[in-house]
Amino acid sequence: LTPVRSEQAANYITMVQKSSGFVGFFKNIYYDEYKWALVKSASLFIVGVRFAQECVGLELMPSVAH
């Protein structure tokens, strides 16, 4: 990491720590790279599971009569 990036990260952390309540909770998740990646991965997984459940009766390649 470059010093500028580290300084920016430190500023974000202090900003997030000052925020409290509902908005502070989401800012904390958004500015923490690990938490944000975890939320994105879990969200996309849930969307994928829901999509797969909706496609249960769908025939992607129907049989072709000769």
PDB file of N, CA and C in Angstrom:
ATOM      1  N   LEU A   1       0.825  -1.188   0.000  1.00  0.00           N
ATOM      2  CA  LEU A   1       0.000   0.000   0.000  1.00  0.00           C
ATOM      3  C   LEU A   1       0.869   1.250   0.000  1.00  0.00           C
ATOM      4  N   THR A   2       0.428   2.217  -0.704  1.00  0.00           N
ATOM      5  CA  THR A   2       1.144   3.489  -0.715  1.00  0.00           C
ATOM      6  C   THR A   2       0.759   4.290   0.520  1.00  0.00           C
ATOM      7  N   PRO A   3       1.608   5.195   0.943  1.00  0.00           N
ATOM      8  CA  PRO A   3       1.283   6.005   2.123  1.00  0.00           C
ATOM      9  C   PRO A   3      -0.006   6.801   1.969  1.00  0.00           C
ATOM     10  N   VAL A   4      -0.289   7.274   0.756  1.00  0.00           N
ATOM     11  CA  VAL A   4      -1.518   8.046   0.539  1.00  0.00           C
ATOM     12  C   VAL A   4      -2.725   7.155   0.786  1.00  0.00           C
ATOM     13  N   ARG A   5      -2.674   5.933   0.268  1.00  0.00           N
ATOM     14  CA  ARG A   5      -3.784   4.986   0.444  1.00  0.00           C
ATOM     15  C   ARG A   5      -3.983   4.673   1.923  1.00  0.00           C
ATOM     16  N   SER A   6      -2.893   4.475   2.647  1.00  0.00           N
ATOM     17  CA  SER A   6      -2.989   4.185   4.073  1.00  0.00           C
ATOM     18  C   SER A   6      -3.594   5.363   4.829  1.00  0.00           C
ATOM     19  N   GLU A   7      -3.222   6.560   4.434  1.00  0.00           N
ATOM     20  CA  GLU A   7      -3.771   7.753   5.083  1.00  0.00           C
ATOM     21  C   GLU A   7      -5.266   7.866   4.807  1.00  0.00           C
ATOM     22  N   GLN A   8      -5.663   7.583   3.578  1.00  0.00           N
ATOM     23  CA  GLN A   8      -7.086   7.615   3.235  1.00  0.00           C
ATOM     24  C   GLN A   8      -7.849   6.563   4.027  1.00  0.00           C
ATOM     25  N   ALA A   9      -7.276   5.378   4.143  1.00  0.00           N
ATOM     26  CA  ALA A   9      -7.927   4.312   4.903  1.00  0.00           C
ATOM     27  C   ALA A   9      -8.073   4.713   6.366  1.00  0.00           C
ATOM     28  N   ALA A  10      -7.053   5.346   6.920  1.00  0.00           N
ATOM     29  CA  ALA A  10      -7.121   5.799   8.310  1.00  0.00           C
ATOM     30  C   ALA A  10      -8.210   6.848   8.482  1.00  0.00           C
ATOM     31  N   ASN A  11      -8.343   7.747   7.507  1.00  0.00           N
ATOM     32  CA  ASN A  11      -9.402   8.760   7.574  1.00  0.00           C
ATOM     33  C   ASN A  11     -10.778   8.119   7.519  1.00  0.00           C
ATOM     34  N   TYR A  12     -10.945   7.118   6.652  1.00  0.00           N
ATOM     35  CA  TYR A  12     -12.228   6.421   6.568  1.00  0.00           C
ATOM     36  C   TYR A  12     -12.553   5.719   7.878  1.00  0.00           C
ATOM     37  N   ILE A  13     -11.535   5.090   8.469  1.00  0.00           N
ATOM     38  CA  ILE A  13     -11.765   4.359   9.716  1.00  0.00           C
ATOM     39  C   ILE A  13     -12.199   5.314  10.818  1.00  0.00           C
ATOM     40  N   THR A  14     -11.534   6.464  10.939  1.00  0.00           N
ATOM     41  CA  THR A  14     -11.934   7.411  11.980  1.00  0.00           C
ATOM     42  C   THR A  14     -13.321   7.970  11.698  1.00  0.00           C
ATOM     43  N   MET A  15     -13.655   8.177  10.414  1.00  0.00           N
ATOM     44  CA  MET A  15     -14.981   8.676  10.061  1.00  0.00           C
ATOM     45  C   MET A  15     -16.048   7.649  10.430  1.00  0.00           C
ATOM     46  N   VAL A  16     -15.764   6.384  10.147  1.00  0.00           N
ATOM     47  CA  VAL A  16     -16.732   5.329  10.436  1.00  0.00           C
ATOM     48  C   VAL A  16     -16.885   5.154  11.941  1.00  0.00           C
ATOM     49  N   GLN A  17     -15.791   5.248  12.674  1.00  0.00           N
ATOM     50  CA  GLN A  17     -15.877   5.084  14.116  1.00  0.00           C
ATOM     51  C   GLN A  17     -16.688   6.203  14.756  1.00  0.00           C
ATOM     52  N   LYS A  18     -16.677   7.399  14.179  1.00  0.00           N
ATOM     53  CA  LYS A  18     -17.456   8.504  14.721  1.00  0.00           C
ATOM     54  C   LYS A  18     -18.939   8.314  14.454  1.00  0.00           C
ATOM     55  N   SER A  19     -19.275   7.649  13.338  1.00  0.00           N
ATOM     56  CA  SER A  19     -20.677   7.415  13.002  1.00  0.00           C
ATOM     57  C   SER A  19     -21.215   6.300  13.882  1.00  0.00           C
ATOM     58  N   SER A  20     -22.426   6.488  14.346  1.00  0.00           N
ATOM     59  CA  SER A  20     -23.044   5.431  15.133  1.00  0.00           C
ATOM     60  C   SER A  20     -24.481   5.278  14.670  1.00  0.00           C
ATOM     61  N   GLY A  21     -25.093   4.240  15.131  1.00  0.00           N
ATOM     62  CA  GLY A  21     -26.477   4.007  14.764  1.00  0.00           C
ATOM     63  C   GLY A  21     -26.601   3.238  13.467  1.00  0.00           C
ATOM     64  N   PHE A  22     -27.734   3.419  12.828  1.00  0.00           N
ATOM     65  CA  PHE A  22     -28.091   2.670  11.625  1.00  0.00           C
ATOM     66  C   PHE A  22     -27.129   2.961  10.475  1.00  0.00           C
ATOM     67  N   VAL A  23     -26.872   4.220  10.204  1.00  0.00           N
ATOM     68  CA  VAL A  23     -25.995   4.602   9.096  1.00  0.00           C
ATOM     69  C   VAL A  23     -24.560   4.187   9.395  1.00  0.00           C
ATOM     70  N   GLY A  24     -24.133   4.349  10.621  1.00  0.00           N
ATOM     71  CA  GLY A  24     -22.782   3.959  11.012  1.00  0.00           C
ATOM     72  C   GLY A  24     -22.536   2.473  10.845  1.00  0.00           C
ATOM     73  N   PHE A  25     -23.562   1.672  11.099  1.00  0.00           N
ATOM     74  CA  PHE A  25     -23.456   0.220  10.931  1.00  0.00           C
ATOM     75  C   PHE A  25     -23.139  -0.125   9.483  1.00  0.00           C
ATOM     76  N   PHE A  26     -23.866   0.488   8.542  1.00  0.00           N
ATOM     77  CA  PHE A  26     -23.644   0.190   7.130  1.00  0.00           C
ATOM     78  C   PHE A  26     -22.347   0.805   6.607  1.00  0.00           C
ATOM     79  N   LYS A  27     -21.964   1.961   7.122  1.00  0.00           N
ATOM     80  CA  LYS A  27     -20.680   2.544   6.732  1.00  0.00           C
ATOM     81  C   LYS A  27     -19.535   1.659   7.207  1.00  0.00           C
ATOM     82  N   ASN A  28     -19.683   1.102   8.393  1.00  0.00           N
ATOM     83  CA  ASN A  28     -18.667   0.205   8.929  1.00  0.00           C
ATOM     84  C   ASN A  28     -18.480  -0.993   8.008  1.00  0.00           C
ATOM     85  N   ILE A  29     -19.567  -1.571   7.541  1.00  0.00           N
ATOM     86  CA  ILE A  29     -19.481  -2.714   6.629  1.00  0.00           C
ATOM     87  C   ILE A  29     -18.895  -2.278   5.292  1.00  0.00           C
ATOM     88  N   TYR A  30     -19.342  -1.157   4.768  1.00  0.00           N
ATOM     89  CA  TYR A  30     -18.913  -0.708   3.441  1.00  0.00           C
ATOM     90  C   TYR A  30     -17.422  -0.384   3.390  1.00  0.00           C
ATOM     91  N   TYR A  31     -16.895   0.256   4.405  1.00  0.00           N
ATOM     92  CA  TYR A  31     -15.501   0.682   4.374  1.00  0.00           C
ATOM     93  C   TYR A  31     -14.527  -0.394   4.841  1.00  0.00           C
ATOM     94  N   ASP A  32     -15.011  -1.480   5.402  1.00  0.00           N
ATOM     95  CA  ASP A  32     -14.148  -2.611   5.761  1.00  0.00           C
ATOM     96  C   ASP A  32     -14.147  -3.574   4.580  1.00  0.00           C
ATOM     97  N   GLU A  33     -12.999  -3.741   3.913  1.00  0.00           N
ATOM     98  CA  GLU A  33     -12.934  -4.535   2.684  1.00  0.00           C
ATOM     99  C   GLU A  33     -13.376  -5.974   2.905  1.00  0.00           C
ATOM    100  N   TYR A  34     -12.980  -6.575   4.016  1.00  0.00           N
ATOM    101  CA  TYR A  34     -13.340  -7.965   4.284  1.00  0.00           C
ATOM    102  C   TYR A  34     -14.848  -8.116   4.471  1.00  0.00           C
ATOM    103  N   LYS A  35     -15.428  -7.259   5.289  1.00  0.00           N
ATOM    104  CA  LYS A  35     -16.874  -7.341   5.537  1.00  0.00           C
ATOM    105  C   LYS A  35     -17.666  -7.078   4.259  1.00  0.00           C
ATOM    106  N   TRP A  36     -17.226  -6.106   3.465  1.00  0.00           N
ATOM    107  CA  TRP A  36     -17.935  -5.760   2.239  1.00  0.00           C
ATOM    108  C   TRP A  36     -17.864  -6.920   1.243  1.00  0.00           C
ATOM    109  N   ALA A  37     -16.708  -7.560   1.119  1.00  0.00           N
ATOM    110  CA  ALA A  37     -16.569  -8.710   0.221  1.00  0.00           C
ATOM    111  C   ALA A  37     -17.447  -9.860   0.697  1.00  0.00           C
ATOM    112  N   LEU A  38     -17.522 -10.055   1.998  1.00  0.00           N
ATOM    113  CA  LEU A  38     -18.358 -11.121   2.551  1.00  0.00           C
ATOM    114  C   LEU A  38     -19.835 -10.861   2.272  1.00  0.00           C
ATOM    115  N   VAL A  39     -20.275  -9.628   2.443  1.00  0.00           N
ATOM    116  CA  VAL A  39     -21.675  -9.269   2.180  1.00  0.00           C
ATOM    117  C   VAL A  39     -22.002  -9.447   0.701  1.00  0.00           C
ATOM    118  N   LYS A  40     -21.101  -9.008  -0.183  1.00  0.00           N
ATOM    119  CA  LYS A  40     -21.344  -9.159  -1.622  1.00  0.00           C
ATOM    120  C   LYS A  40     -21.410 -10.628  -2.012  1.00  0.00           C
ATOM    121  N   SER A  41     -20.502 -11.441  -1.491  1.00  0.00           N
ATOM    122  CA  SER A  41     -20.486 -12.861  -1.833  1.00  0.00           C
ATOM    123  C   SER A  41     -21.743 -13.563  -1.343  1.00  0.00           C
ATOM    124  N   ALA A  42     -22.134 -13.298  -0.115  1.00  0.00           N
ATOM    125  CA  ALA A  42     -23.336 -13.928   0.433  1.00  0.00           C
ATOM    126  C   ALA A  42     -24.577 -13.478  -0.329  1.00  0.00           C
ATOM    127  N   SER A  43     -24.633 -12.214  -0.694  1.00  0.00           N
ATOM    128  CA  SER A  43     -25.789 -11.699  -1.436  1.00  0.00           C
ATOM    129  C   SER A  43     -25.900 -12.347  -2.807  1.00  0.00           C
ATOM    130  N   LEU A  44     -24.793 -12.430  -3.527  1.00  0.00           N
ATOM    131  CA  LEU A  44     -24.821 -13.057  -4.846  1.00  0.00           C
ATOM    132  C   LEU A  44     -25.145 -14.542  -4.753  1.00  0.00           C
ATOM    133  N   PHE A  45     -24.677 -15.210  -3.710  1.00  0.00           N
ATOM    134  CA  PHE A  45     -25.006 -16.619  -3.513  1.00  0.00           C
ATOM    135  C   PHE A  45     -26.506 -16.789  -3.303  1.00  0.00           C
ATOM    136  N   ILE A  46     -27.097 -15.950  -2.464  1.00  0.00           N
ATOM    137  CA  ILE A  46     -28.541 -16.034  -2.203  1.00  0.00           C
ATOM    138  C   ILE A  46     -29.336 -15.753  -3.472  1.00  0.00           C
ATOM    139  N   VAL A  47     -28.916 -14.760  -4.247  1.00  0.00           N
ATOM    140  CA  VAL A  47     -29.592 -14.460  -5.515  1.00  0.00           C
ATOM    141  C   VAL A  47     -29.480 -15.654  -6.458  1.00  0.00           C
ATOM    142  N   GLY A  48     -28.325 -16.286  -6.520  1.00  0.00           N
ATOM    143  CA  GLY A  48     -28.135 -17.460  -7.367  1.00  0.00           C
ATOM    144  C   GLY A  48     -29.006 -18.625  -6.952  1.00  0.00           C
ATOM    145  N   VAL A  49     -29.139 -18.842  -5.655  1.00  0.00           N
ATOM    146  CA  VAL A  49     -29.999 -19.922  -5.158  1.00  0.00           C
ATOM    147  C   VAL A  49     -31.451 -19.638  -5.514  1.00  0.00           C
ATOM    148  N   ARG A  50     -31.894 -18.411  -5.318  1.00  0.00           N
ATOM    149  CA  ARG A  50     -33.277 -18.040  -5.675  1.00  0.00           C
ATOM    150  C   ARG A  50     -33.527 -18.214  -7.168  1.00  0.00           C
ATOM    151  N   PHE A  51     -32.566 -17.813  -7.981  1.00  0.00           N
ATOM    152  CA  PHE A  51     -32.692 -17.946  -9.431  1.00  0.00           C
ATOM    153  C   PHE A  51     -32.780 -19.420  -9.821  1.00  0.00           C
ATOM    154  N   ALA A  52     -31.961 -20.252  -9.210  1.00  0.00           N
ATOM    155  CA  ALA A  52     -31.990 -21.688  -9.500  1.00  0.00           C
ATOM    156  C   ALA A  52     -33.321 -22.300  -9.080  1.00  0.00           C
ATOM    157  N   GLN A  53     -33.889 -21.851  -7.974  1.00  0.00           N
ATOM    158  CA  GLN A  53     -35.188 -22.358  -7.533  1.00  0.00           C
ATOM    159  C   GLN A  53     -36.284 -21.974  -8.514  1.00  0.00           C
ATOM    160  N   GLU A  54     -36.186 -20.808  -9.104  1.00  0.00           N
ATOM    161  CA  GLU A  54     -37.187 -20.370 -10.080  1.00  0.00           C
ATOM    162  C   GLU A  54     -37.072 -21.135 -11.394  1.00  0.00           C
ATOM    163  N   CYS A  55     -35.910 -21.678 -11.689  1.00  0.00           N
ATOM    164  CA  CYS A  55     -35.679 -22.379 -12.960  1.00  0.00           C
ATOM    165  C   CYS A  55     -35.846 -23.890 -12.839  1.00  0.00           C
ATOM    166  N   VAL A  56     -36.501 -24.374 -11.795  1.00  0.00           N
ATOM    167  CA  VAL A  56     -36.621 -25.813 -11.571  1.00  0.00           C
ATOM    168  C   VAL A  56     -37.321 -26.503 -12.734  1.00  0.00           C
ATOM    169  N   GLY A  57     -38.432 -26.015 -13.233  1.00  0.00           N
ATOM    170  CA  GLY A  57     -39.181 -26.674 -14.294  1.00  0.00           C
ATOM    171  C   GLY A  57     -38.767 -26.273 -15.693  1.00  0.00           C
ATOM    172  N   LEU A  58     -37.781 -25.448 -15.820  1.00  0.00           N
ATOM    173  CA  LEU A  58     -37.360 -24.934 -17.120  1.00  0.00           C
ATOM    174  C   LEU A  58     -36.507 -25.963 -17.852  1.00  0.00           C
ATOM    175  N   GLU A  59     -36.880 -26.254 -19.107  1.00  0.00           N
ATOM    176  CA  GLU A  59     -36.072 -27.155 -19.929  1.00  0.00           C
ATOM    177  C   GLU A  59     -35.164 -26.305 -20.802  1.00  0.00           C
ATOM    178  N   LEU A  60     -33.881 -26.360 -20.533  1.00  0.00           N
ATOM    179  CA  LEU A  60     -32.939 -25.553 -21.297  1.00  0.00           C
ATOM    180  C   LEU A  60     -32.747 -26.091 -22.711  1.00  0.00           C
ATOM    181  N   MET A  61     -32.744 -27.421 -22.842  1.00  0.00           N
ATOM    182  CA  MET A  61     -32.591 -28.044 -24.159  1.00  0.00           C
ATOM    183  C   MET A  61     -33.711 -29.066 -24.344  1.00  0.00           C
ATOM    184  N   PRO A  62     -34.860 -28.626 -24.828  1.00  0.00           N
ATOM    185  CA  PRO A  62     -35.966 -29.572 -25.012  1.00  0.00           C
ATOM    186  C   PRO A  62     -35.611 -30.612 -26.072  1.00  0.00           C
ATOM    187  N   SER A  63     -36.227 -31.784 -25.943  1.00  0.00           N
ATOM    188  CA  SER A  63     -35.940 -32.859 -26.896  1.00  0.00           C
ATOM    189  C   SER A  63     -36.463 -32.482 -28.280  1.00  0.00           C
ATOM    190  N   VAL A  64     -35.712 -32.870 -29.289  1.00  0.00           N
ATOM    191  CA  VAL A  64     -36.058 -32.553 -30.674  1.00  0.00           C
ATOM    192  C   VAL A  64     -36.602 -33.809 -31.336  1.00  0.00           C
ATOM    193  N   ALA A  65     -37.782 -33.701 -31.957  1.00  0.00           N
ATOM    194  CA  ALA A  65     -38.374 -34.848 -32.654  1.00  0.00           C
ATOM    195  C   ALA A  65     -37.686 -35.021 -34.002  1.00  0.00           C
ATOM    196  N   HIS A  66     -37.403 -36.283 -34.354  1.00  0.00           N
ATOM    197  CA  HIS A  66     -36.754 -36.573 -35.646  1.00  0.00           C
ATOM    198  C   HIS A  66     -37.763 -36.972 -36.656  1.00  0.00           C
TER     199      HIS A  66
END
